[in-house]
């Protein structure tokens, strides 16, 4: 999907800006970056991105899994988790939100691009059905 809008949710500013830079280099639009679950929900509502890259561990009351569930329930925007956490409990909780992907940090740019393209393709097919 050319020029897909992707919202980045990452509470570490330096990491968020690096992800945004990589996405833009790959040709995606990044209308905004959110640092908390509540901010992610607000920006998802405002921008209605095609996809969200969501860190799981976020500062504040709401983690990325809770935010992803709320976003999916309210707006049906798919999420790819982009996180350093893959313990059994985290994976179990994440699976319940039916994410479109799960990419571990640190990641290779091509791995991220492949996950994004597969998620966007899946989304497009689901909208056509």
N, C-alpha and C. Protein backbone atom coordinates (compact mmCIF):
# COMPACT_ATOMS: atom_id res chain seq x y z
N UNK A 1 0.86 -1.17 0.00
CA UNK A 1 0.00 0.00 0.00
C UNK A 1 0.90 1.22 0.00
N UNK A 2 0.92 1.93 -1.12
CA UNK A 2 1.76 3.11 -1.23
C UNK A 2 1.27 4.21 -0.29
N UNK A 3 2.21 4.88 0.31
CA UNK A 3 1.94 6.00 1.20
C UNK A 3 1.00 5.66 2.35
N UNK A 4 1.11 4.45 2.87
CA UNK A 4 0.31 4.05 4.01
C UNK A 4 0.67 4.92 5.21
N UNK A 5 -0.35 5.30 5.97
CA UNK A 5 -0.15 6.10 7.19
C UNK A 5 0.07 5.15 8.36
N UNK A 6 1.18 5.35 9.06
CA UNK A 6 1.51 4.50 10.19
C UNK A 6 1.73 5.36 11.42
N UNK A 7 1.03 5.03 12.49
CA UNK A 7 1.22 5.69 13.78
C UNK A 7 2.24 4.88 14.57
N UNK A 8 3.24 5.55 15.10
CA UNK A 8 4.26 4.91 15.92
C UNK A 8 3.94 5.20 17.39
N UNK A 9 3.88 4.13 18.19
CA UNK A 9 3.64 4.29 19.63
C UNK A 9 4.85 3.73 20.35
N UNK A 10 5.64 4.62 20.90
CA UNK A 10 6.91 4.28 21.55
C UNK A 10 7.21 5.38 22.56
N UNK A 11 7.46 4.98 23.82
CA UNK A 11 7.66 5.99 24.86
C UNK A 11 9.10 6.50 24.99
N UNK A 12 10.04 5.90 24.31
CA UNK A 12 11.40 6.41 24.31
C UNK A 12 11.59 7.27 23.06
N UNK A 13 11.72 8.57 23.27
CA UNK A 13 11.72 9.53 22.18
C UNK A 13 12.77 9.25 21.11
N UNK A 14 13.98 8.91 21.52
CA UNK A 14 15.05 8.65 20.55
C UNK A 14 14.69 7.44 19.68
N UNK A 15 14.16 6.41 20.29
CA UNK A 15 13.76 5.20 19.56
C UNK A 15 12.60 5.54 18.61
N UNK A 16 11.62 6.29 19.10
CA UNK A 16 10.47 6.67 18.28
C UNK A 16 10.90 7.45 17.04
N UNK A 17 11.81 8.39 17.22
CA UNK A 17 12.28 9.18 16.08
C UNK A 17 13.06 8.34 15.09
N UNK A 18 13.82 7.37 15.57
CA UNK A 18 14.56 6.47 14.68
C UNK A 18 13.59 5.60 13.87
N UNK A 19 12.56 5.08 14.53
CA UNK A 19 11.56 4.27 13.83
C UNK A 19 10.85 5.13 12.77
N UNK A 20 10.47 6.34 13.16
CA UNK A 20 9.81 7.24 12.22
C UNK A 20 10.70 7.50 11.01
N UNK A 21 11.97 7.76 11.25
CA UNK A 21 12.92 8.02 10.16
C UNK A 21 13.01 6.81 9.22
N UNK A 22 13.11 5.63 9.78
CA UNK A 22 13.19 4.41 8.97
C UNK A 22 11.93 4.21 8.14
N UNK A 23 10.77 4.43 8.75
CA UNK A 23 9.51 4.27 8.03
C UNK A 23 9.41 5.26 6.87
N UNK A 24 9.79 6.48 7.12
CA UNK A 24 9.73 7.48 6.06
C UNK A 24 10.70 7.14 4.93
N UNK A 25 11.85 6.62 5.27
CA UNK A 25 12.82 6.20 4.26
C UNK A 25 12.24 5.07 3.40
N UNK A 26 11.41 4.23 4.01
CA UNK A 26 10.77 3.13 3.28
C UNK A 26 9.55 3.59 2.48
N UNK A 27 9.18 4.86 2.59
CA UNK A 27 8.09 5.41 1.80
C UNK A 27 6.74 5.49 2.49
N UNK A 28 6.71 5.24 3.79
CA UNK A 28 5.45 5.33 4.53
C UNK A 28 5.28 6.74 5.09
N UNK A 29 4.04 7.12 5.33
CA UNK A 29 3.73 8.39 5.98
C UNK A 29 3.60 8.15 7.47
N UNK A 30 4.20 9.00 8.26
CA UNK A 30 4.11 8.89 9.72
C UNK A 30 3.54 10.20 10.24
N UNK A 31 2.20 10.27 10.35
CA UNK A 31 1.57 11.53 10.73
C UNK A 31 1.88 11.97 12.16
N UNK A 32 2.24 10.99 13.01
CA UNK A 32 2.48 11.34 14.41
C UNK A 32 3.14 10.18 15.15
N UNK A 33 3.65 10.52 16.33
CA UNK A 33 4.22 9.55 17.25
C UNK A 33 3.52 9.74 18.59
N UNK A 34 3.17 8.65 19.24
CA UNK A 34 2.54 8.71 20.56
C UNK A 34 3.45 8.04 21.57
N UNK A 35 3.42 8.55 22.81
CA UNK A 35 4.31 8.03 23.84
C UNK A 35 3.58 7.25 24.93
N UNK A 36 2.26 7.22 24.89
CA UNK A 36 1.49 6.50 25.92
C UNK A 36 0.28 5.84 25.27
N UNK A 37 -0.33 4.94 25.99
CA UNK A 37 -1.52 4.28 25.49
C UNK A 37 -2.66 5.24 25.25
N UNK A 38 -2.89 6.14 26.19
CA UNK A 38 -3.97 7.12 26.04
C UNK A 38 -3.72 8.04 24.85
N UNK A 39 -2.48 8.46 24.69
CA UNK A 39 -2.14 9.32 23.56
C UNK A 39 -2.31 8.55 22.25
N UNK A 40 -1.97 7.27 22.24
CA UNK A 40 -2.13 6.44 21.04
C UNK A 40 -3.60 6.37 20.62
N UNK A 41 -4.48 6.18 21.58
CA UNK A 41 -5.91 6.12 21.28
C UNK A 41 -6.39 7.44 20.71
N UNK A 42 -5.99 8.53 21.31
CA UNK A 42 -6.38 9.85 20.84
C UNK A 42 -5.88 10.12 19.42
N UNK A 43 -4.62 9.78 19.16
CA UNK A 43 -4.05 10.03 17.84
C UNK A 43 -4.62 9.06 16.81
N UNK A 44 -4.94 7.85 17.21
CA UNK A 44 -5.58 6.91 16.28
C UNK A 44 -6.92 7.46 15.84
N UNK A 45 -7.67 8.03 16.77
CA UNK A 45 -8.97 8.61 16.45
C UNK A 45 -8.80 9.83 15.53
N UNK A 46 -7.78 10.63 15.79
CA UNK A 46 -7.58 11.85 15.01
C UNK A 46 -7.03 11.61 13.61
N UNK A 47 -6.12 10.66 13.47
CA UNK A 47 -5.45 10.44 12.19
C UNK A 47 -5.99 9.24 11.41
N UNK A 48 -6.66 8.32 12.09
CA UNK A 48 -7.13 7.07 11.48
C UNK A 48 -6.06 6.47 10.55
N UNK A 49 -4.93 6.09 11.14
CA UNK A 49 -3.85 5.51 10.33
C UNK A 49 -4.25 4.15 9.74
N UNK A 50 -3.49 3.71 8.76
CA UNK A 50 -3.73 2.40 8.17
C UNK A 50 -3.22 1.28 9.07
N UNK A 51 -2.24 1.62 9.90
CA UNK A 51 -1.56 0.62 10.73
C UNK A 51 -0.90 1.33 11.91
N UNK A 52 -0.74 0.61 13.00
CA UNK A 52 -0.05 1.15 14.18
C UNK A 52 1.08 0.21 14.56
N UNK A 53 2.27 0.78 14.76
CA UNK A 53 3.39 0.04 15.34
C UNK A 53 3.38 0.37 16.82
N UNK A 54 3.17 -0.64 17.66
CA UNK A 54 2.92 -0.44 19.08
C UNK A 54 3.97 -1.13 19.94
N UNK A 55 4.65 -0.35 20.77
CA UNK A 55 5.50 -0.95 21.80
C UNK A 55 4.57 -1.49 22.88
N UNK A 56 4.98 -2.52 23.56
CA UNK A 56 4.13 -3.11 24.59
C UNK A 56 4.32 -2.41 25.93
N UNK A 57 5.55 -2.15 26.30
CA UNK A 57 5.81 -1.49 27.59
C UNK A 57 5.83 0.01 27.36
N UNK A 58 4.82 0.67 27.90
CA UNK A 58 4.69 2.13 27.78
C UNK A 58 4.58 2.74 29.15
N UNK A 59 5.00 3.97 29.27
CA UNK A 59 4.83 4.70 30.53
C UNK A 59 3.36 5.07 30.69
N UNK A 60 2.92 5.15 31.92
CA UNK A 60 1.54 5.52 32.18
C UNK A 60 0.71 4.33 32.63
N UNK A 61 -0.57 4.56 32.75
CA UNK A 61 -1.50 3.56 33.29
C UNK A 61 -1.78 2.41 32.34
N UNK A 62 -1.67 2.66 31.05
CA UNK A 62 -2.08 1.69 30.04
C UNK A 62 -0.88 1.20 29.25
N UNK A 63 -0.73 -0.12 29.14
CA UNK A 63 0.37 -0.63 28.32
C UNK A 63 -0.09 -0.75 26.87
N UNK A 64 0.81 -1.16 26.00
CA UNK A 64 0.51 -1.23 24.58
C UNK A 64 -0.55 -2.26 24.23
N UNK A 65 -0.60 -3.34 24.99
CA UNK A 65 -1.61 -4.38 24.73
C UNK A 65 -3.01 -3.83 25.03
N UNK A 66 -3.15 -3.14 26.14
CA UNK A 66 -4.44 -2.54 26.47
C UNK A 66 -4.83 -1.49 25.44
N UNK A 67 -3.87 -0.67 25.04
CA UNK A 67 -4.15 0.36 24.03
C UNK A 67 -4.54 -0.27 22.70
N UNK A 68 -3.83 -1.32 22.29
CA UNK A 68 -4.15 -2.00 21.03
C UNK A 68 -5.56 -2.56 21.05
N UNK A 69 -5.95 -3.14 22.17
CA UNK A 69 -7.31 -3.70 22.28
C UNK A 69 -8.35 -2.60 22.15
N UNK A 70 -8.13 -1.50 22.82
CA UNK A 70 -9.07 -0.37 22.76
C UNK A 70 -9.15 0.19 21.34
N UNK A 71 -8.02 0.34 20.69
CA UNK A 71 -7.98 0.88 19.32
C UNK A 71 -8.69 -0.06 18.36
N UNK A 72 -8.45 -1.35 18.49
CA UNK A 72 -9.11 -2.31 17.60
C UNK A 72 -10.63 -2.29 17.82
N UNK A 73 -11.03 -2.28 19.08
CA UNK A 73 -12.46 -2.28 19.40
C UNK A 73 -13.16 -1.04 18.87
N UNK A 74 -12.54 0.11 19.03
CA UNK A 74 -13.18 1.37 18.64
C UNK A 74 -13.03 1.73 17.17
N UNK A 75 -11.84 1.44 16.58
CA UNK A 75 -11.56 1.96 15.24
C UNK A 75 -11.21 0.89 14.21
N UNK A 76 -11.01 -0.33 14.65
CA UNK A 76 -10.62 -1.43 13.76
C UNK A 76 -9.33 -1.11 12.99
N UNK A 77 -8.38 -0.52 13.68
CA UNK A 77 -7.07 -0.24 13.10
C UNK A 77 -6.12 -1.35 13.54
N UNK A 78 -5.48 -2.02 12.59
CA UNK A 78 -4.58 -3.12 12.95
C UNK A 78 -3.30 -2.64 13.61
N UNK A 79 -2.73 -3.55 14.41
CA UNK A 79 -1.52 -3.25 15.17
C UNK A 79 -0.46 -4.30 14.90
N UNK A 80 0.77 -3.84 14.76
CA UNK A 80 1.94 -4.70 14.79
C UNK A 80 2.68 -4.32 16.06
N UNK A 81 2.94 -5.30 16.91
CA UNK A 81 3.74 -5.02 18.09
C UNK A 81 5.20 -4.95 17.68
N UNK A 82 5.88 -3.92 18.14
CA UNK A 82 7.30 -3.70 17.91
C UNK A 82 7.91 -3.54 19.29
N UNK A 83 8.48 -4.62 19.82
CA UNK A 83 8.82 -4.65 21.23
C UNK A 83 10.07 -5.49 21.50
N UNK A 84 10.64 -5.32 22.66
CA UNK A 84 11.78 -6.12 23.08
C UNK A 84 11.34 -7.28 23.98
N UNK A 85 10.04 -7.41 24.18
CA UNK A 85 9.52 -8.38 25.15
C UNK A 85 8.81 -9.54 24.46
N UNK A 86 9.27 -10.76 24.79
CA UNK A 86 8.64 -11.94 24.20
C UNK A 86 8.50 -13.07 25.22
N UNK A 87 8.36 -12.72 26.49
CA UNK A 87 8.16 -13.75 27.51
C UNK A 87 6.77 -14.36 27.31
N UNK A 88 6.55 -15.52 27.88
CA UNK A 88 5.31 -16.27 27.67
C UNK A 88 4.05 -15.48 28.03
N UNK A 89 4.08 -14.80 29.16
CA UNK A 89 2.90 -14.05 29.62
C UNK A 89 2.59 -12.89 28.66
N UNK A 90 3.62 -12.18 28.21
CA UNK A 90 3.42 -11.07 27.28
C UNK A 90 2.85 -11.59 25.96
N UNK A 91 3.42 -12.68 25.45
CA UNK A 91 2.92 -13.25 24.20
C UNK A 91 1.47 -13.71 24.33
N UNK A 92 1.15 -14.31 25.45
CA UNK A 92 -0.22 -14.78 25.69
C UNK A 92 -1.20 -13.61 25.67
N UNK A 93 -0.85 -12.54 26.37
CA UNK A 93 -1.72 -11.35 26.40
C UNK A 93 -1.81 -10.71 25.01
N UNK A 94 -0.68 -10.61 24.32
CA UNK A 94 -0.66 -9.98 23.00
C UNK A 94 -1.51 -10.77 22.00
N UNK A 95 -1.43 -12.08 22.04
CA UNK A 95 -2.20 -12.91 21.10
C UNK A 95 -3.70 -12.66 21.22
N UNK A 96 -4.16 -12.33 22.41
CA UNK A 96 -5.59 -12.10 22.63
C UNK A 96 -6.10 -10.89 21.86
N UNK A 97 -5.22 -10.00 21.44
CA UNK A 97 -5.63 -8.81 20.70
C UNK A 97 -5.57 -9.04 19.19
N UNK A 98 -5.19 -10.23 18.77
CA UNK A 98 -5.11 -10.61 17.36
C UNK A 98 -4.29 -9.61 16.54
N UNK A 99 -3.03 -9.42 16.92
CA UNK A 99 -2.19 -8.46 16.19
C UNK A 99 -1.91 -8.93 14.77
N UNK A 100 -1.54 -8.00 13.93
CA UNK A 100 -1.19 -8.31 12.55
C UNK A 100 0.28 -8.66 12.42
N UNK A 101 1.01 -8.57 13.50
CA UNK A 101 2.42 -8.94 13.48
C UNK A 101 3.05 -8.70 14.83
N UNK A 102 4.27 -9.24 14.99
CA UNK A 102 5.01 -9.13 16.24
C UNK A 102 6.48 -9.11 15.86
N UNK A 103 7.12 -7.96 15.97
CA UNK A 103 8.52 -7.80 15.58
C UNK A 103 9.33 -7.47 16.82
N UNK A 104 10.41 -8.21 17.01
CA UNK A 104 11.26 -7.99 18.18
C UNK A 104 12.36 -6.96 17.90
N UNK A 105 12.56 -6.08 18.87
CA UNK A 105 13.67 -5.13 18.81
C UNK A 105 14.91 -5.79 19.39
N UNK A 106 16.07 -5.51 18.90
CA UNK A 106 16.33 -4.69 17.71
C UNK A 106 15.92 -5.44 16.46
N UNK A 107 15.53 -4.72 15.43
CA UNK A 107 15.03 -5.34 14.21
C UNK A 107 15.83 -4.85 13.00
N UNK A 108 15.80 -5.67 11.98
CA UNK A 108 16.37 -5.28 10.70
C UNK A 108 15.28 -4.53 9.93
N UNK A 109 15.67 -3.51 9.20
CA UNK A 109 14.71 -2.70 8.46
C UNK A 109 13.88 -3.56 7.50
N UNK A 110 14.50 -4.50 6.84
CA UNK A 110 13.78 -5.36 5.90
C UNK A 110 12.76 -6.25 6.60
N UNK A 111 13.06 -6.69 7.81
CA UNK A 111 12.10 -7.49 8.57
C UNK A 111 10.87 -6.64 8.93
N UNK A 112 11.12 -5.41 9.31
CA UNK A 112 10.02 -4.50 9.64
C UNK A 112 9.19 -4.22 8.39
N UNK A 113 9.85 -3.94 7.28
CA UNK A 113 9.14 -3.66 6.03
C UNK A 113 8.27 -4.86 5.63
N UNK A 114 8.81 -6.06 5.73
CA UNK A 114 8.05 -7.25 5.37
C UNK A 114 6.82 -7.41 6.27
N UNK A 115 6.99 -7.19 7.57
CA UNK A 115 5.86 -7.30 8.50
C UNK A 115 4.78 -6.27 8.17
N UNK A 116 5.21 -5.06 7.86
CA UNK A 116 4.26 -3.99 7.52
C UNK A 116 3.52 -4.32 6.23
N UNK A 117 4.25 -4.72 5.21
CA UNK A 117 3.61 -5.04 3.93
C UNK A 117 2.62 -6.19 4.05
N UNK A 118 2.97 -7.21 4.83
CA UNK A 118 2.04 -8.33 5.03
C UNK A 118 0.79 -7.87 5.78
N UNK A 119 0.97 -7.02 6.77
CA UNK A 119 -0.17 -6.51 7.54
C UNK A 119 -1.07 -5.64 6.65
N UNK A 120 -0.48 -4.80 5.84
CA UNK A 120 -1.27 -3.93 4.96
C UNK A 120 -2.01 -4.77 3.91
N UNK A 121 -1.36 -5.81 3.41
CA UNK A 121 -2.00 -6.70 2.44
C UNK A 121 -3.19 -7.42 3.09
N UNK A 122 -2.97 -7.92 4.29
CA UNK A 122 -4.05 -8.60 5.02
C UNK A 122 -5.23 -7.66 5.25
N UNK A 123 -4.93 -6.44 5.64
CA UNK A 123 -5.96 -5.43 5.89
C UNK A 123 -6.76 -5.14 4.62
N UNK A 124 -6.04 -4.99 3.53
CA UNK A 124 -6.70 -4.69 2.25
C UNK A 124 -7.64 -5.83 1.86
N UNK A 125 -7.17 -7.08 2.01
CA UNK A 125 -8.00 -8.24 1.66
C UNK A 125 -9.23 -8.31 2.55
N UNK A 126 -9.07 -8.03 3.83
CA UNK A 126 -10.20 -8.09 4.76
C UNK A 126 -11.26 -7.04 4.41
N UNK A 127 -10.81 -5.87 3.97
CA UNK A 127 -11.77 -4.81 3.60
C UNK A 127 -12.55 -5.18 2.36
N UNK A 128 -11.96 -5.98 1.48
CA UNK A 128 -12.62 -6.39 0.24
C UNK A 128 -13.63 -7.51 0.45
N UNK A 129 -13.51 -8.23 1.56
CA UNK A 129 -14.40 -9.37 1.80
C UNK A 129 -15.73 -8.96 2.37
